[in-house]
PDB file of N, CA and C in Angstrom:
ATOM      1  N   MET A   1      11.672  10.470 -22.729  1.00  0.00           N
ATOM      2  CA  MET A   1      12.328   9.194 -22.718  1.00  0.00           C
ATOM      3  C   MET A   1      12.614   8.740 -21.282  1.00  0.00           C
ATOM      4  N   PHE A   2      13.118   9.665 -20.467  1.00  0.00           N
ATOM      5  CA  PHE A   2      13.441   9.336 -19.078  1.00  0.00           C
ATOM      6  C   PHE A   2      12.197   8.899 -18.320  1.00  0.00           C
ATOM      7  N   TRP A   3      11.086   9.639 -18.492  1.00  0.00           N
ATOM      8  CA  TRP A   3       9.864   9.306 -17.753  1.00  0.00           C
ATOM      9  C   TRP A   3       9.274   7.986 -18.219  1.00  0.00           C
ATOM     10  N   LYS A   4       9.414   7.700 -19.526  1.00  0.00           N
ATOM     11  CA  LYS A   4       8.895   6.437 -20.032  1.00  0.00           C
ATOM     12  C   LYS A   4       9.667   5.260 -19.433  1.00  0.00           C
ATOM     13  N   GLU A   5      10.991   5.381 -19.347  1.00  0.00           N
ATOM     14  CA  GLU A   5      11.806   4.331 -18.742  1.00  0.00           C
ATOM     15  C   GLU A   5      11.484   4.174 -17.257  1.00  0.00           C
ATOM     16  N   MET A   6      11.317   5.313 -16.569  1.00  0.00           N
ATOM     17  CA  MET A   6      10.959   5.252 -15.152  1.00  0.00           C
ATOM     18  C   MET A   6       9.609   4.564 -14.984  1.00  0.00           C
ATOM     19  N   TRP A   7       8.639   4.910 -15.825  1.00  0.00           N
ATOM     20  CA  TRP A   7       7.303   4.329 -15.716  1.00  0.00           C
ATOM     21  C   TRP A   7       7.342   2.823 -15.970  1.00  0.00           C
ATOM     22  N   GLU A   8       8.135   2.386 -16.958  1.00  0.00           N
ATOM     23  CA  GLU A   8       8.203   0.966 -17.282  1.00  0.00           C
ATOM     24  C   GLU A   8       8.901   0.149 -16.189  1.00  0.00           C
ATOM     25  N   SER A   9       9.926   0.713 -15.572  1.00  0.00           N
ATOM     26  CA  SER A   9      10.681  -0.069 -14.608  1.00  0.00           C
ATOM     27  C   SER A   9      10.205   0.085 -13.172  1.00  0.00           C
ATOM     28  N   HIS A  10       9.544   1.196 -12.849  1.00  0.00           N
ATOM     29  CA  HIS A  10       9.144   1.460 -11.453  1.00  0.00           C
ATOM     30  C   HIS A  10       7.678   1.894 -11.356  1.00  0.00           C
ATOM     31  N   ARG A  11       6.816   1.303 -12.153  1.00  0.00           N
ATOM     32  CA  ARG A  11       5.418   1.698 -12.185  1.00  0.00           C
ATOM     33  C   ARG A  11       4.734   1.580 -10.822  1.00  0.00           C
ATOM     34  N   GLY A  12       4.909   0.455 -10.163  1.00  0.00           N
ATOM     35  CA  GLY A  12       4.265   0.239  -8.867  1.00  0.00           C
ATOM     36  C   GLY A  12       4.740   1.220  -7.819  1.00  0.00           C
ATOM     37  N   ARG A  13       6.048   1.496  -7.794  1.00  0.00           N
ATOM     38  CA  ARG A  13       6.589   2.443  -6.818  1.00  0.00           C
ATOM     39  C   ARG A  13       6.056   3.840  -7.065  1.00  0.00           C
ATOM     40  N   LEU A  14       5.993   4.256  -8.338  1.00  0.00           N
ATOM     41  CA  LEU A  14       5.479   5.588  -8.650  1.00  0.00           C
ATOM     42  C   LEU A  14       4.017   5.730  -8.252  1.00  0.00           C
ATOM     43  N   ILE A  15       3.222   4.713  -8.546  1.00  0.00           N
ATOM     44  CA  ILE A  15       1.808   4.746  -8.171  1.00  0.00           C
ATOM     45  C   ILE A  15       1.663   4.719  -6.657  1.00  0.00           C
ATOM     46  N   GLY A  16       2.481   3.909  -5.979  1.00  0.00           N
ATOM     47  CA  GLY A  16       2.418   3.831  -4.526  1.00  0.00           C
ATOM     48  C   GLY A  16       2.766   5.153  -3.851  1.00  0.00           C
ATOM     49  N   VAL A  17       3.831   5.802  -4.326  1.00  0.00           N
ATOM     50  CA  VAL A  17       4.228   7.089  -3.746  1.00  0.00           C
ATOM     51  C   VAL A  17       3.174   8.149  -4.050  1.00  0.00           C
ATOM     52  N   ALA A  18       2.644   8.157  -5.274  1.00  0.00           N
ATOM     53  CA  ALA A  18       1.602   9.134  -5.624  1.00  0.00           C
ATOM     54  C   ALA A  18       0.364   8.937  -4.749  1.00  0.00           C
ATOM     55  N   GLY A  19      -0.019   7.681  -4.533  1.00  0.00           N
ATOM     56  CA  GLY A  19      -1.158   7.402  -3.661  1.00  0.00           C
ATOM     57  C   GLY A  19      -0.885   7.823  -2.231  1.00  0.00           C
ATOM     58  N   GLY A  20       0.334   7.552  -1.764  1.00  0.00           N
ATOM     59  CA  GLY A  20       0.694   7.961  -0.412  1.00  0.00           C
ATOM     60  C   GLY A  20       0.674   9.466  -0.246  1.00  0.00           C
ATOM     61  N   ILE A  21       1.192  10.184  -1.235  1.00  0.00           N
ATOM     62  CA  ILE A  21       1.178  11.654  -1.185  1.00  0.00           C
ATOM     63  C   ILE A  21      -0.256  12.172  -1.225  1.00  0.00           C
ATOM     64  N   LEU A  22      -1.089  11.575  -2.059  1.00  0.00           N
ATOM     65  CA  LEU A  22      -2.486  12.008  -2.153  1.00  0.00           C
ATOM     66  C   LEU A  22      -3.220  11.817  -0.825  1.00  0.00           C
ATOM     67  N   PHE A  23      -3.157  10.611  -0.278  1.00  0.00           N
ATOM     68  CA  PHE A  23      -3.861  10.358   0.976  1.00  0.00           C
ATOM     69  C   PHE A  23      -3.228  11.102   2.152  1.00  0.00           C
ATOM     70  N   GLY A  24      -1.915  11.237   2.139  1.00  0.00           N
ATOM     71  CA  GLY A  24      -1.253  12.013   3.175  1.00  0.00           C
ATOM     72  C   GLY A  24      -1.635  13.486   3.121  1.00  0.00           C
ATOM     73  N   SER A  25      -1.748  14.031   1.909  1.00  0.00           N
ATOM     74  CA  SER A  25      -2.158  15.436   1.754  1.00  0.00           C
ATOM     75  C   SER A  25      -3.594  15.641   2.232  1.00  0.00           C
ATOM     76  N   ILE A  26      -4.453  14.711   1.907  1.00  0.00           N
ATOM     77  CA  ILE A  26      -5.834  14.801   2.392  1.00  0.00           C
ATOM     78  C   ILE A  26      -5.866  14.813   3.913  1.00  0.00           C
ATOM     79  N   TYR A  27      -5.045  13.954   4.516  1.00  0.00           N
ATOM     80  CA  TYR A  27      -4.997  13.919   5.975  1.00  0.00           C
ATOM     81  C   TYR A  27      -4.480  15.252   6.537  1.00  0.00           C
ATOM     82  N   LEU A  28      -3.421  15.792   5.925  1.00  0.00           N
ATOM     83  CA  LEU A  28      -2.845  17.034   6.431  1.00  0.00           C
ATOM     84  C   LEU A  28      -3.801  18.214   6.279  1.00  0.00           C
ATOM     85  N   ILE A  29      -4.537  18.260   5.186  1.00  0.00           N
ATOM     86  CA  ILE A  29      -5.472  19.365   4.955  1.00  0.00           C
ATOM     87  C   ILE A  29      -6.670  19.237   5.891  1.00  0.00           C
ATOM     88  N   ALA A  30      -7.190  18.027   6.037  1.00  0.00           N
ATOM     89  CA  ALA A  30      -8.408  17.821   6.832  1.00  0.00           C
ATOM     90  C   ALA A  30      -8.111  17.732   8.325  1.00  0.00           C
ATOM     91  N   GLY A  31      -6.926  17.303   8.698  1.00  0.00           N
ATOM     92  CA  GLY A  31      -6.615  17.110  10.112  1.00  0.00           C
ATOM     93  C   GLY A  31      -5.568  18.097  10.588  1.00  0.00           C
ATOM     94  N   PHE A  32      -4.864  17.744  11.634  1.00  0.00           N
ATOM     95  CA  PHE A  32      -3.818  18.626  12.142  1.00  0.00           C
ATOM     96  C   PHE A  32      -2.465  18.170  11.610  1.00  0.00           C
ATOM     97  N   TRP A  33      -1.483  19.044  11.759  1.00  0.00           N
ATOM     98  CA  TRP A  33      -0.166  18.876  11.151  1.00  0.00           C
ATOM     99  C   TRP A  33       0.597  17.741  11.832  1.00  0.00           C
ATOM    100  N   ASN A  34       0.680  16.641  11.155  1.00  0.00           N
ATOM    101  CA  ASN A  34       1.361  15.479  11.731  1.00  0.00           C
ATOM    102  C   ASN A  34       2.250  14.873  10.665  1.00  0.00           C
ATOM    103  N   MET A  35       3.478  15.344  10.584  1.00  0.00           N
ATOM    104  CA  MET A  35       4.399  14.923   9.541  1.00  0.00           C
ATOM    105  C   MET A  35       4.786  13.441   9.661  1.00  0.00           C
ATOM    106  N   LEU A  36       4.812  12.898  10.849  1.00  0.00           N
ATOM    107  CA  LEU A  36       5.178  11.498  10.970  1.00  0.00           C
ATOM    108  C   LEU A  36       4.147  10.583  10.314  1.00  0.00           C
ATOM    109  N   PHE A  37       2.868  10.926  10.484  1.00  0.00           N
ATOM    110  CA  PHE A  37       1.832  10.139   9.854  1.00  0.00           C
ATOM    111  C   PHE A  37       1.908  10.263   8.335  1.00  0.00           C
ATOM    112  N   PHE A  38       2.175  11.462   7.848  1.00  0.00           N
ATOM    113  CA  PHE A  38       2.327  11.695   6.408  1.00  0.00           C
ATOM    114  C   PHE A  38       3.463  10.838   5.859  1.00  0.00           C
ATOM    115  N   ALA A  39       4.605  10.847   6.539  1.00  0.00           N
ATOM    116  CA  ALA A  39       5.752  10.058   6.086  1.00  0.00           C
ATOM    117  C   ALA A  39       5.417   8.565   6.119  1.00  0.00           C
ATOM    118  N   LEU A  40       4.669   8.124   7.108  1.00  0.00           N
ATOM    119  CA  LEU A  40       4.278   6.724   7.208  1.00  0.00           C
ATOM    120  C   LEU A  40       3.397   6.329   6.030  1.00  0.00           C
ATOM    121  N   VAL A  41       2.447   7.176   5.670  1.00  0.00           N
ATOM    122  CA  VAL A  41       1.554   6.875   4.555  1.00  0.00           C
ATOM    123  C   VAL A  41       2.348   6.795   3.249  1.00  0.00           C
ATOM    124  N   VAL A  42       3.290   7.716   3.040  1.00  0.00           N
ATOM    125  CA  VAL A  42       4.114   7.673   1.832  1.00  0.00           C
ATOM    126  C   VAL A  42       4.989   6.424   1.824  1.00  0.00           C
ATOM    127  N   PHE A  43       5.556   6.055   2.970  1.00  0.00           N
ATOM    128  CA  PHE A  43       6.391   4.856   3.053  1.00  0.00           C
ATOM    129  C   PHE A  43       5.590   3.598   2.764  1.00  0.00           C
ATOM    130  N   ILE A  44       4.382   3.509   3.286  1.00  0.00           N
ATOM    131  CA  ILE A  44       3.539   2.350   3.029  1.00  0.00           C
ATOM    132  C   ILE A  44       3.216   2.260   1.537  1.00  0.00           C
ATOM    133  N   GLY A  45       2.887   3.399   0.919  1.00  0.00           N
ATOM    134  CA  GLY A  45       2.627   3.409  -0.526  1.00  0.00           C
ATOM    135  C   GLY A  45       3.834   2.963  -1.320  1.00  0.00           C
ATOM    136  N   TYR A  46       5.019   3.445  -0.947  1.00  0.00           N
ATOM    137  CA  TYR A  46       6.251   3.051  -1.625  1.00  0.00           C
ATOM    138  C   TYR A  46       6.517   1.557  -1.456  1.00  0.00           C
ATOM    139  N   THR A  47       6.337   1.051  -0.246  1.00  0.00           N
ATOM    140  CA  THR A  47       6.617  -0.353   0.027  1.00  0.00           C
ATOM    141  C   THR A  47       5.675  -1.260  -0.760  1.00  0.00           C
ATOM    142  N   LEU A  48       4.395  -0.928  -0.797  1.00  0.00           N
ATOM    143  CA  LEU A  48       3.447  -1.742  -1.558  1.00  0.00           C
ATOM    144  C   LEU A  48       3.764  -1.690  -3.055  1.00  0.00           C
ATOM    145  N   GLY A  49       4.125  -0.498  -3.547  1.00  0.00           N
ATOM    146  CA  GLY A  49       4.502  -0.370  -4.950  1.00  0.00           C
ATOM    147  C   GLY A  49       5.761  -1.147  -5.274  1.00  0.00           C
ATOM    148  N   LYS A  50       6.727  -1.128  -4.391  1.00  0.00           N
ATOM    149  CA  LYS A  50       7.974  -1.869  -4.606  1.00  0.00           C
ATOM    150  C   LYS A  50       7.710  -3.366  -4.648  1.00  0.00           C
ATOM    151  N   ARG A  51       6.843  -3.845  -3.748  1.00  0.00           N
ATOM    152  CA  ARG A  51       6.508  -5.267  -3.750  1.00  0.00           C
ATOM    153  C   ARG A  51       5.828  -5.656  -5.066  1.00  0.00           C
ATOM    154  N   LYS A  52       5.002  -4.750  -5.623  1.00  0.00           N
ATOM    155  CA  LYS A  52       4.357  -5.031  -6.908  1.00  0.00           C
ATOM    156  C   LYS A  52       5.387  -5.064  -8.026  1.00  0.00           C
ATOM    157  N   ASP A  53       6.350  -4.117  -8.016  1.00  0.00           N
ATOM    158  CA  ASP A  53       7.403  -4.093  -9.033  1.00  0.00           C
ATOM    159  C   ASP A  53       8.231  -5.378  -9.012  1.00  0.00           C
ATOM    160  N   LEU A  54       8.536  -5.863  -7.831  1.00  0.00           N
ATOM    161  CA  LEU A  54       9.377  -7.044  -7.700  1.00  0.00           C
ATOM    162  C   LEU A  54       8.586  -8.345  -7.774  1.00  0.00           C
ATOM    163  N   SER A  55       7.286  -8.241  -8.013  1.00  0.00           N
ATOM    164  CA  SER A  55       6.383  -9.393  -8.110  1.00  0.00           C
ATOM    165  C   SER A  55       6.461 -10.287  -6.881  1.00  0.00           C
ATOM    166  N   GLN A  56       6.518  -9.666  -5.725  1.00  0.00           N
ATOM    167  CA  GLN A  56       6.536 -10.425  -4.482  1.00  0.00           C
ATOM    168  C   GLN A  56       5.108 -10.700  -4.043  1.00  0.00           C
ATOM    169  N   SER A  57       4.967 -11.651  -3.166  1.00  0.00           N
ATOM    170  CA  SER A  57       3.629 -12.017  -2.702  1.00  0.00           C
ATOM    171  C   SER A  57       3.078 -10.916  -1.788  1.00  0.00           C
ATOM    172  N   SER A  58       1.824 -10.994  -1.543  1.00  0.00           N
ATOM    173  CA  SER A  58       1.135 -10.033  -0.693  1.00  0.00           C
ATOM    174  C   SER A  58       1.647 -10.133   0.749  1.00  0.00           C
ATOM    175  N   LEU A  59       1.547  -9.028   1.491  1.00  0.00           N
ATOM    176  CA  LEU A  59       1.958  -9.043   2.894  1.00  0.00           C
ATOM    177  C   LEU A  59       1.038  -9.918   3.732  1.00  0.00           C
ATOM    178  N   VAL A  60      -0.239  -9.934   3.365  1.00  0.00           N
ATOM    179  CA  VAL A  60      -1.219 -10.742   4.077  1.00  0.00           C
ATOM    180  C   VAL A  60      -1.698 -11.852   3.139  1.00  0.00           C
ATOM    181  N   HIS A  61      -1.623 -13.075   3.580  1.00  0.00           N
ATOM    182  CA  HIS A  61      -2.092 -14.198   2.779  1.00  0.00           C
ATOM    183  C   HIS A  61      -3.588 -14.356   3.046  1.00  0.00           C
ATOM    184  N   TRP A  62      -4.390 -13.700   2.222  1.00  0.00           N
ATOM    185  CA  TRP A  62      -5.832 -13.592   2.462  1.00  0.00           C
ATOM    186  C   TRP A  62      -6.529 -14.935   2.442  1.00  0.00           C
ATOM    187  N   ARG A  63      -6.160 -15.801   1.521  1.00  0.00           N
ATOM    188  CA  ARG A  63      -6.847 -17.096   1.416  1.00  0.00           C
ATOM    189  C   ARG A  63      -6.609 -17.931   2.675  1.00  0.00           C
ATOM    190  N   GLU A  64      -5.354 -17.988   3.140  1.00  0.00           N
ATOM    191  CA  GLU A  64      -5.050 -18.748   4.361  1.00  0.00           C
ATOM    192  C   GLU A  64      -5.732 -18.138   5.569  1.00  0.00           C
ATOM    193  N   LEU A  65      -5.757 -16.812   5.648  1.00  0.00           N
ATOM    194  CA  LEU A  65      -6.427 -16.136   6.753  1.00  0.00           C
ATOM    195  C   LEU A  65      -7.918 -16.445   6.746  1.00  0.00           C
ATOM    196  N   GLY A  66      -8.539 -16.422   5.564  1.00  0.00           N
ATOM    197  CA  GLY A  66      -9.959 -16.729   5.463  1.00  0.00           C
ATOM    198  C   GLY A  66     -10.277 -18.160   5.872  1.00  0.00           C
ATOM    199  N   GLN A  67      -9.428 -19.086   5.463  1.00  0.00           N
ATOM    200  CA  GLN A  67      -9.631 -20.484   5.853  1.00  0.00           C
ATOM    201  C   GLN A  67      -9.449 -20.658   7.346  1.00  0.00           C
ATOM    202  N   TRP A  68      -8.463 -20.012   7.924  1.00  0.00           N
ATOM    203  CA  TRP A  68      -8.230 -20.117   9.360  1.00  0.00           C
ATOM    204  C   TRP A  68      -9.407 -19.537  10.151  1.00  0.00           C
ATOM    205  N   LEU A  69      -9.892 -18.372   9.718  1.00  0.00           N
ATOM    206  CA  LEU A  69     -11.026 -17.752  10.407  1.00  0.00           C
ATOM    207  C   LEU A  69     -12.285 -18.600  10.275  1.00  0.00           C
ATOM    208  N   SER A  70     -12.504 -19.161   9.089  1.00  0.00           N
ATOM    209  CA  SER A  70     -13.721 -19.964   8.919  1.00  0.00           C
ATOM    210  C   SER A  70     -13.655 -21.263   9.731  1.00  0.00           C
ATOM    211  N   SER A  71     -12.473 -21.793   9.932  1.00  0.00           N
ATOM    212  CA  SER A  71     -12.369 -23.010  10.749  1.00  0.00           C
ATOM    213  C   SER A  71     -12.460 -22.708  12.225  1.00  0.00           C
ATOM    214  N   ARG A  72     -12.036 -21.506  12.658  1.00  0.00           N
ATOM    215  CA  ARG A  72     -12.036 -21.136  14.059  1.00  0.00           C
ATOM    216  C   ARG A  72     -13.357 -20.517  14.513  1.00  0.00           C
ATOM    217  N   TRP A  73     -14.028 -19.819  13.598  1.00  0.00           N
ATOM    218  CA  TRP A  73     -15.209 -19.061  13.988  1.00  0.00           C
ATOM    219  C   TRP A  73     -16.322 -19.346  13.010  1.00  0.00           C
ATOM    220  N   ARG A  74     -17.271 -20.128  13.433  1.00  0.00           N
ATOM    221  CA  ARG A  74     -18.431 -20.450  12.574  1.00  0.00           C
ATOM    222  C   ARG A  74     -19.692 -19.963  13.302  1.00  0.00           C
ATOM    223  N   PRO A  75     -20.173 -18.793  12.897  1.00  0.00           N
ATOM    224  CA  PRO A  75     -21.310 -18.217  13.617  1.00  0.00           C
ATOM    225  C   PRO A  75     -22.610 -18.975  13.393  1.00  0.00           C
ATOM    226  N   PHE A  76     -22.757 -19.733  12.308  1.00  0.00           N
ATOM    227  CA  PHE A  76     -24.017 -20.394  12.005  1.00  0.00           C
ATOM    228  C   PHE A  76     -23.843 -21.911  12.012  1.00  0.00           C
ATOM    229  N   LYS A  77     -23.430 -22.463  13.142  1.00  0.00           N
ATOM    230  CA  LYS A  77     -23.257 -23.919  13.245  1.00  0.00           C
ATOM    231  C   LYS A  77     -24.590 -24.607  13.362  1.00  0.00           C
TER     232      LYS A  77
END
């Protein structure tokens, strides 16, 4: 019951932290021991999951960025 309630109310955060732990663990196993980077990856996963839970907008506004880039840089004029 507890896990079901947690999953329903904090799904994005749980997925974000799990993803952060997974990618952080891969980095720690494959690379050298760098706990600050591991903590950063977990924090980023948590933050993205929290934004999904709260239905907030994306950190990067991709459509506006694409329009700005296409107006500023046209390689095939």
